[in-house]
Amino acid sequence: MPRDITVHFDDRALEVMARLQVSTGLSLEQVFRDAIGFYEWARAQVESGKAIATVDHEENAVREYILPFSSDRSTH
């Protein structure tokens, strides 16, 4: 059963969400669902010892992204 939540965002986050809605043509609800799905996938990758990275084929470069997935947030 769906449940409602209240979340507060600053202006920058609201601008990002608006751009994502326009660029994807998705509802705000679907943008959130996709973001949560990606976060869940990325966290599972990191927890299994893998890295999250981008590949720039033009520059033949790979850049690893360090995401804040520590379960101990007090160290960050």
Protein backbone atom coordinates (compact mmCIF):
# COMPACT_ATOMS: atom_id res chain seq x y z
CA MET A 1 0.00 0.00 0.00
CA PRO A 2 1.49 3.40 -0.97
CA ARG A 3 2.39 5.80 1.83
CA ASP A 4 3.04 9.52 1.74
CA ILE A 5 6.22 11.08 3.08
CA THR A 6 7.31 14.68 3.55
CA VAL A 7 10.81 15.67 2.48
CA HIS A 8 12.38 19.13 2.60
CA PHE A 9 14.84 20.18 -0.14
CA ASP A 10 16.92 23.29 -0.68
CA ASP A 11 16.58 25.36 -3.88
CA ARG A 12 19.46 23.59 -5.62
CA ALA A 13 17.93 20.16 -5.09
CA LEU A 14 14.57 21.41 -6.35
CA GLU A 15 16.26 22.78 -9.49
CA VAL A 16 17.97 19.43 -10.09
CA MET A 17 14.68 17.57 -9.72
CA ALA A 18 12.94 19.97 -12.12
CA ARG A 19 15.72 19.50 -14.72
CA LEU A 20 15.48 15.72 -14.35
CA GLN A 21 11.72 15.84 -14.86
CA VAL A 22 12.11 17.92 -18.03
CA SER A 23 15.02 15.93 -19.47
CA THR A 24 13.43 12.54 -18.80
CA GLY A 25 9.77 13.41 -19.29
CA LEU A 26 9.03 11.50 -16.08
CA SER A 27 6.85 12.42 -13.14
CA LEU A 28 8.54 13.55 -9.95
CA GLU A 29 7.43 10.28 -8.37
CA GLN A 30 9.18 8.26 -11.09
CA VAL A 31 12.34 10.40 -10.84
CA PHE A 32 12.48 9.54 -7.12
CA ARG A 33 11.83 5.85 -7.78
CA ASP A 34 14.59 5.74 -10.40
CA ALA A 35 17.00 7.58 -8.08
CA ILE A 36 16.29 5.18 -5.24
CA GLY A 37 16.73 2.21 -7.58
CA PHE A 38 20.07 3.54 -8.82
CA TYR A 39 21.25 4.25 -5.27
CA GLU A 40 20.30 0.75 -4.18
CA TRP A 41 22.16 -0.78 -7.16
CA ALA A 42 25.26 1.41 -6.65
CA ARG A 43 25.40 0.63 -2.95
CA ALA A 44 25.16 -3.12 -3.65
CA GLN A 45 28.03 -2.82 -6.14
CA VAL A 46 30.28 -1.03 -3.64
CA GLU A 47 29.36 -3.41 -0.82
CA SER A 48 30.32 -6.38 -3.03
CA GLY A 49 33.78 -4.89 -3.64
CA LYS A 50 33.10 -3.29 -7.02
CA ALA A 51 33.71 0.31 -8.07
CA ILE A 52 31.34 2.82 -9.65
CA ALA A 53 33.10 4.55 -12.55
CA THR A 54 32.65 6.42 -15.80
CA VAL A 55 34.54 5.74 -19.01
CA ASP A 56 35.52 8.62 -21.32
CA HIS A 57 36.13 6.88 -24.63
CA GLU A 58 37.43 10.05 -26.33
CA GLU A 59 40.13 10.59 -23.69
CA ASN A 60 40.59 6.88 -22.94
CA ALA A 61 40.11 7.61 -19.24
CA VAL A 62 38.28 5.96 -16.37
CA ARG A 63 37.19 7.88 -13.29
CA GLU A 64 36.07 6.05 -10.18
CA TYR A 65 33.37 7.66 -8.06
CA ILE A 66 33.53 7.38 -4.30
CA LEU A 67 30.02 7.43 -2.92
CA PRO A 68 29.12 7.97 0.75
CA PHE A 69 27.97 4.46 1.52
CA SER A 70 29.58 3.92 4.89
CA SER A 71 27.22 2.46 7.47
CA ASP A 72 29.20 4.43 10.08
CA ARG A 73 28.25 8.01 9.15
CA SER A 74 30.13 9.41 12.16
CA THR A 75 33.42 9.06 10.27
CA HIS A 76 32.27 11.25 7.36
